[in-house]
N, C-alpha and C. Protein backbone atom coordinates (compact mmCIF):
# COMPACT_ATOMS: atom_id res chain seq x y z
N MET A 1 93.99 135.43 68.72
CA MET A 1 93.63 135.51 70.12
C MET A 1 92.54 134.50 70.46
N LEU A 2 91.61 134.31 69.57
CA LEU A 2 90.53 133.36 69.80
C LEU A 2 91.07 131.94 69.95
N HIS A 3 92.13 131.63 69.22
CA HIS A 3 92.76 130.31 69.30
C HIS A 3 93.27 130.03 70.71
N ILE A 4 93.83 131.03 71.37
CA ILE A 4 94.35 130.87 72.74
C ILE A 4 93.20 130.54 73.69
N TYR A 5 92.07 131.22 73.53
CA TYR A 5 90.92 130.95 74.38
C TYR A 5 90.36 129.55 74.17
N LYS A 6 90.33 129.10 72.91
CA LYS A 6 89.85 127.75 72.62
C LYS A 6 90.76 126.71 73.26
N PHE A 7 92.08 126.93 73.17
CA PHE A 7 93.03 125.99 73.78
C PHE A 7 92.86 125.96 75.29
N SER A 8 92.71 127.14 75.88
CA SER A 8 92.53 127.23 77.33
C SER A 8 91.23 126.56 77.76
N LEU A 9 90.19 126.73 76.99
CA LEU A 9 88.89 126.12 77.30
C LEU A 9 88.98 124.60 77.22
N ARG A 10 89.67 124.09 76.19
CA ARG A 10 89.84 122.64 76.07
C ARG A 10 90.61 122.08 77.26
N LEU A 11 91.68 122.77 77.65
CA LEU A 11 92.50 122.32 78.78
C LEU A 11 91.68 122.34 80.07
N THR A 12 90.92 123.40 80.27
CA THR A 12 90.09 123.52 81.46
C THR A 12 88.99 122.45 81.48
N TYR A 13 88.40 122.17 80.34
CA TYR A 13 87.35 121.16 80.25
C TYR A 13 87.92 119.79 80.61
N HIS A 14 89.12 119.47 80.14
CA HIS A 14 89.76 118.20 80.46
C HIS A 14 90.02 118.09 81.96
N ARG A 15 90.51 119.17 82.55
CA ARG A 15 90.77 119.17 84.00
C ARG A 15 89.47 119.00 84.78
N ARG A 16 88.41 119.61 84.29
CA ARG A 16 87.12 119.47 84.96
C ARG A 16 86.71 118.01 85.04
N TRP A 17 86.90 117.27 83.94
CA TRP A 17 86.51 115.87 83.94
C TRP A 17 87.41 115.03 84.83
N GLU A 18 88.66 115.40 84.99
CA GLU A 18 89.54 114.71 85.93
C GLU A 18 89.01 114.89 87.35
N VAL A 19 88.59 116.12 87.67
CA VAL A 19 88.04 116.40 89.00
C VAL A 19 86.72 115.65 89.19
N GLU A 20 85.86 115.67 88.17
CA GLU A 20 84.58 114.95 88.25
C GLU A 20 84.81 113.45 88.46
N SER A 21 85.79 112.89 87.78
CA SER A 21 86.09 111.46 87.93
C SER A 21 86.58 111.15 89.34
N THR A 22 87.39 112.03 89.88
CA THR A 22 87.89 111.83 91.24
C THR A 22 86.76 111.90 92.25
N ILE A 23 85.87 112.87 92.08
CA ILE A 23 84.72 112.98 92.99
C ILE A 23 83.85 111.73 92.89
N ASP A 24 83.63 111.23 91.67
CA ASP A 24 82.87 110.00 91.49
C ASP A 24 83.54 108.83 92.19
N GLU A 25 84.86 108.71 92.04
CA GLU A 25 85.58 107.61 92.70
C GLU A 25 85.43 107.69 94.21
N LEU A 26 85.48 108.89 94.75
CA LEU A 26 85.34 109.07 96.20
C LEU A 26 83.91 108.77 96.66
N LYS A 27 82.94 109.44 96.07
CA LYS A 27 81.56 109.34 96.55
C LYS A 27 80.93 107.99 96.27
N VAL A 28 81.08 107.49 95.07
CA VAL A 28 80.34 106.30 94.67
C VAL A 28 81.09 105.03 95.03
N HIS A 29 82.37 104.96 94.72
CA HIS A 29 83.09 103.70 94.85
C HIS A 29 83.79 103.54 96.19
N LEU A 30 84.51 104.55 96.63
CA LEU A 30 85.27 104.42 97.87
C LEU A 30 84.37 104.51 99.10
N LEU A 31 83.43 105.43 99.10
CA LEU A 31 82.61 105.66 100.28
C LEU A 31 81.27 104.94 100.25
N GLY A 32 80.78 104.66 99.09
CA GLY A 32 79.43 104.12 98.98
C GLY A 32 78.44 105.26 98.88
N ARG A 33 77.36 105.04 98.22
CA ARG A 33 76.40 106.11 97.95
C ARG A 33 75.73 106.67 99.21
N LYS A 34 75.60 105.88 100.25
CA LYS A 34 74.85 106.32 101.42
C LYS A 34 75.74 106.78 102.57
N THR A 35 77.04 106.86 102.35
CA THR A 35 77.94 107.26 103.42
C THR A 35 77.82 108.76 103.66
N LEU A 36 77.54 109.12 104.89
CA LEU A 36 77.46 110.51 105.28
C LEU A 36 78.63 110.82 106.20
N ILE A 37 78.91 112.09 106.34
CA ILE A 37 79.94 112.48 107.31
C ILE A 37 79.35 112.24 108.69
N ARG A 38 80.02 111.42 109.46
CA ARG A 38 79.51 111.02 110.77
C ARG A 38 79.83 112.04 111.85
N SER A 39 80.89 112.79 111.65
CA SER A 39 81.34 113.72 112.68
C SER A 39 80.45 114.95 112.74
N LEU A 40 80.33 115.51 113.93
CA LEU A 40 79.57 116.73 114.11
C LEU A 40 80.48 117.92 114.39
N ASN A 41 81.63 117.66 114.95
CA ASN A 41 82.61 118.68 115.26
C ASN A 41 83.35 119.06 113.97
N PRO A 42 83.48 120.36 113.66
CA PRO A 42 84.14 120.76 112.41
C PRO A 42 85.55 120.19 112.24
N ARG A 43 86.30 120.13 113.32
CA ARG A 43 87.66 119.58 113.24
C ARG A 43 87.62 118.10 112.84
N GLU A 44 86.67 117.36 113.37
CA GLU A 44 86.55 115.93 113.04
C GLU A 44 86.04 115.74 111.61
N VAL A 45 85.22 116.66 111.11
CA VAL A 45 84.76 116.60 109.72
C VAL A 45 85.96 116.72 108.79
N VAL A 46 86.83 117.68 109.07
CA VAL A 46 88.03 117.85 108.26
C VAL A 46 88.89 116.60 108.33
N GLN A 47 89.04 116.04 109.52
CA GLN A 47 89.84 114.82 109.69
C GLN A 47 89.23 113.67 108.88
N GLU A 48 87.93 113.54 108.89
CA GLU A 48 87.27 112.47 108.14
C GLU A 48 87.45 112.65 106.63
N VAL A 49 87.32 113.87 106.15
CA VAL A 49 87.52 114.14 104.73
C VAL A 49 88.96 113.85 104.33
N TYR A 50 89.92 114.26 105.17
CA TYR A 50 91.32 113.93 104.89
C TYR A 50 91.54 112.42 104.84
N GLY A 51 90.86 111.68 105.70
CA GLY A 51 90.96 110.22 105.68
C GLY A 51 90.45 109.65 104.37
N TRP A 52 89.34 110.17 103.87
CA TRP A 52 88.81 109.72 102.57
C TRP A 52 89.79 110.03 101.44
N LEU A 53 90.34 111.25 101.48
CA LEU A 53 91.30 111.63 100.43
C LEU A 53 92.56 110.79 100.51
N LEU A 54 92.99 110.47 101.72
CA LEU A 54 94.17 109.62 101.88
C LEU A 54 93.90 108.21 101.36
N GLY A 55 92.72 107.69 101.59
CA GLY A 55 92.34 106.38 101.06
C GLY A 55 92.33 106.40 99.54
N HIS A 56 91.79 107.45 98.94
CA HIS A 56 91.78 107.58 97.49
C HIS A 56 93.21 107.64 96.95
N TRP A 57 94.04 108.45 97.60
CA TRP A 57 95.44 108.56 97.17
C TRP A 57 96.15 107.22 97.27
N ALA A 58 95.88 106.45 98.33
CA ALA A 58 96.54 105.14 98.50
C ALA A 58 96.17 104.20 97.36
N VAL A 59 94.91 104.16 96.97
CA VAL A 59 94.49 103.29 95.87
C VAL A 59 95.12 103.76 94.56
N ARG A 60 95.10 105.06 94.31
CA ARG A 60 95.70 105.59 93.08
C ARG A 60 97.21 105.36 93.06
N SER A 61 97.86 105.49 94.19
CA SER A 61 99.30 105.24 94.28
C SER A 61 99.62 103.78 93.98
N LEU A 62 98.81 102.89 94.53
CA LEU A 62 98.98 101.47 94.25
C LEU A 62 98.80 101.18 92.76
N MET A 63 97.80 101.80 92.15
CA MET A 63 97.57 101.62 90.72
C MET A 63 98.78 102.09 89.92
N PHE A 64 99.37 103.21 90.31
CA PHE A 64 100.54 103.72 89.60
C PHE A 64 101.72 102.76 89.73
N GLN A 65 101.96 102.24 90.94
CA GLN A 65 103.07 101.32 91.16
C GLN A 65 102.89 100.04 90.36
N VAL A 66 101.68 99.51 90.33
CA VAL A 66 101.41 98.29 89.57
C VAL A 66 101.60 98.55 88.07
N ALA A 67 101.08 99.65 87.59
CA ALA A 67 101.22 99.97 86.16
C ALA A 67 102.69 100.16 85.78
N GLU A 68 103.43 100.81 86.66
CA GLU A 68 104.85 101.03 86.39
C GLU A 68 105.61 99.71 86.34
N SER A 69 105.33 98.81 87.26
CA SER A 69 106.03 97.51 87.28
C SER A 69 105.62 96.63 86.10
N ALA A 70 104.40 96.82 85.59
CA ALA A 70 103.93 96.04 84.44
C ALA A 70 104.21 96.75 83.12
N ALA A 71 104.83 97.93 83.19
CA ALA A 71 105.17 98.74 82.02
C ALA A 71 103.94 99.03 81.14
N ILE A 72 102.84 99.42 81.82
CA ILE A 72 101.63 99.84 81.11
C ILE A 72 101.20 101.20 81.63
N SER A 73 100.29 101.82 80.93
CA SER A 73 99.77 103.11 81.36
C SER A 73 98.83 102.92 82.55
N PRO A 74 98.94 103.77 83.58
CA PRO A 74 98.00 103.68 84.71
C PRO A 74 96.54 103.90 84.27
N LEU A 75 96.36 104.55 83.14
CA LEU A 75 95.00 104.81 82.64
C LEU A 75 94.30 103.53 82.20
N ARG A 76 95.06 102.47 82.00
CA ARG A 76 94.47 101.20 81.60
C ARG A 76 93.91 100.42 82.79
N LEU A 77 94.21 100.86 84.00
CA LEU A 77 93.74 100.16 85.20
C LEU A 77 92.44 100.79 85.69
N SER A 78 91.62 99.97 86.28
CA SER A 78 90.32 100.42 86.78
C SER A 78 90.42 100.74 88.27
N PHE A 79 89.93 101.92 88.65
CA PHE A 79 89.90 102.29 90.07
C PHE A 79 89.01 101.32 90.83
N THR A 80 87.84 101.03 90.29
CA THR A 80 86.90 100.12 90.95
C THR A 80 87.49 98.72 91.08
N GLY A 81 88.13 98.23 90.03
CA GLY A 81 88.75 96.91 90.09
C GLY A 81 89.85 96.85 91.13
N THR A 82 90.68 97.89 91.17
CA THR A 82 91.76 97.94 92.16
C THR A 82 91.19 98.01 93.57
N LEU A 83 90.16 98.81 93.76
CA LEU A 83 89.53 98.94 95.07
C LEU A 83 88.95 97.60 95.52
N ASN A 84 88.34 96.86 94.61
CA ASN A 84 87.80 95.54 94.95
C ASN A 84 88.91 94.57 95.36
N ILE A 85 90.04 94.62 94.68
CA ILE A 85 91.18 93.76 95.04
C ILE A 85 91.68 94.13 96.43
N VAL A 86 91.80 95.42 96.71
CA VAL A 86 92.26 95.86 98.03
C VAL A 86 91.29 95.40 99.11
N ARG A 87 90.00 95.55 98.87
CA ARG A 87 89.00 95.15 99.87
C ARG A 87 89.03 93.64 100.13
N ARG A 88 89.28 92.84 99.08
CA ARG A 88 89.36 91.39 99.28
C ARG A 88 90.65 90.98 99.98
N THR A 89 91.70 91.77 99.85
CA THR A 89 93.00 91.42 100.39
C THR A 89 93.18 91.86 101.84
N VAL A 90 92.47 92.89 102.28
CA VAL A 90 92.64 93.43 103.63
C VAL A 90 92.49 92.36 104.71
N PRO A 91 91.47 91.50 104.68
CA PRO A 91 91.35 90.49 105.74
C PRO A 91 92.58 89.57 105.83
N LYS A 92 93.18 89.26 104.70
CA LYS A 92 94.40 88.42 104.71
C LYS A 92 95.52 89.13 105.47
N PHE A 93 95.71 90.41 105.22
CA PHE A 93 96.77 91.14 105.89
C PHE A 93 96.47 91.36 107.37
N GLN A 94 95.22 91.40 107.74
CA GLN A 94 94.87 91.56 109.15
C GLN A 94 95.24 90.33 109.98
N ARG A 95 95.34 89.17 109.33
CA ARG A 95 95.69 87.94 110.04
C ARG A 95 97.20 87.72 110.14
N LEU A 96 98.01 88.49 109.42
CA LEU A 96 99.46 88.29 109.43
C LEU A 96 100.07 88.77 110.74
N GLN A 97 101.15 88.12 111.12
CA GLN A 97 101.92 88.53 112.30
C GLN A 97 102.92 89.61 111.88
N ALA A 98 103.43 90.36 112.83
CA ALA A 98 104.36 91.45 112.53
C ALA A 98 105.60 90.95 111.80
N GLU A 99 106.06 89.75 112.11
CA GLU A 99 107.27 89.21 111.49
C GLU A 99 107.05 88.89 110.01
N GLU A 100 105.81 88.76 109.59
CA GLU A 100 105.51 88.42 108.21
C GLU A 100 105.51 89.63 107.28
N PHE A 101 105.67 90.82 107.85
CA PHE A 101 105.78 92.03 107.06
C PHE A 101 107.27 92.40 106.97
N PRO A 102 107.94 92.09 105.89
CA PRO A 102 109.38 92.29 105.84
C PRO A 102 109.84 93.74 106.06
N PHE A 103 109.08 94.71 105.59
CA PHE A 103 109.53 96.09 105.73
C PHE A 103 109.15 96.70 107.07
N PHE A 104 108.31 96.04 107.83
CA PHE A 104 107.86 96.61 109.08
C PHE A 104 108.23 95.74 110.29
N SER A 105 109.08 94.77 110.08
CA SER A 105 109.49 93.89 111.19
C SER A 105 110.32 94.67 112.20
N PRO A 106 110.11 94.40 113.48
CA PRO A 106 110.86 95.14 114.51
C PRO A 106 112.37 94.88 114.45
N GLY A 107 112.77 93.72 113.93
CA GLY A 107 114.19 93.37 113.91
C GLY A 107 115.00 94.05 112.82
N LEU A 108 114.36 94.76 111.89
CA LEU A 108 115.09 95.37 110.79
C LEU A 108 115.49 96.78 111.08
């Protein structure tokens, strides 16, 4: 019986560190250390938190797609490195015309 508890504790401890890593990625890297919730209305606070979580999911999803296409483990990619690439690339995409986005062109 003690063996079952040890296994459960190990599994729970591993999950805890996954959650801690996600919180670190959100607070420190995605938002910056000094970012506060700007909204005062509870509904807008929830909306802002959902926006942060959606941004985190988008970066993690991109990391998974890149790892899959390169046939490597997503664990080998850096969240911070990927986030820096996304931040450097955003201005380039902001200058593109609608026709330059093949999947979002109005004619398709």
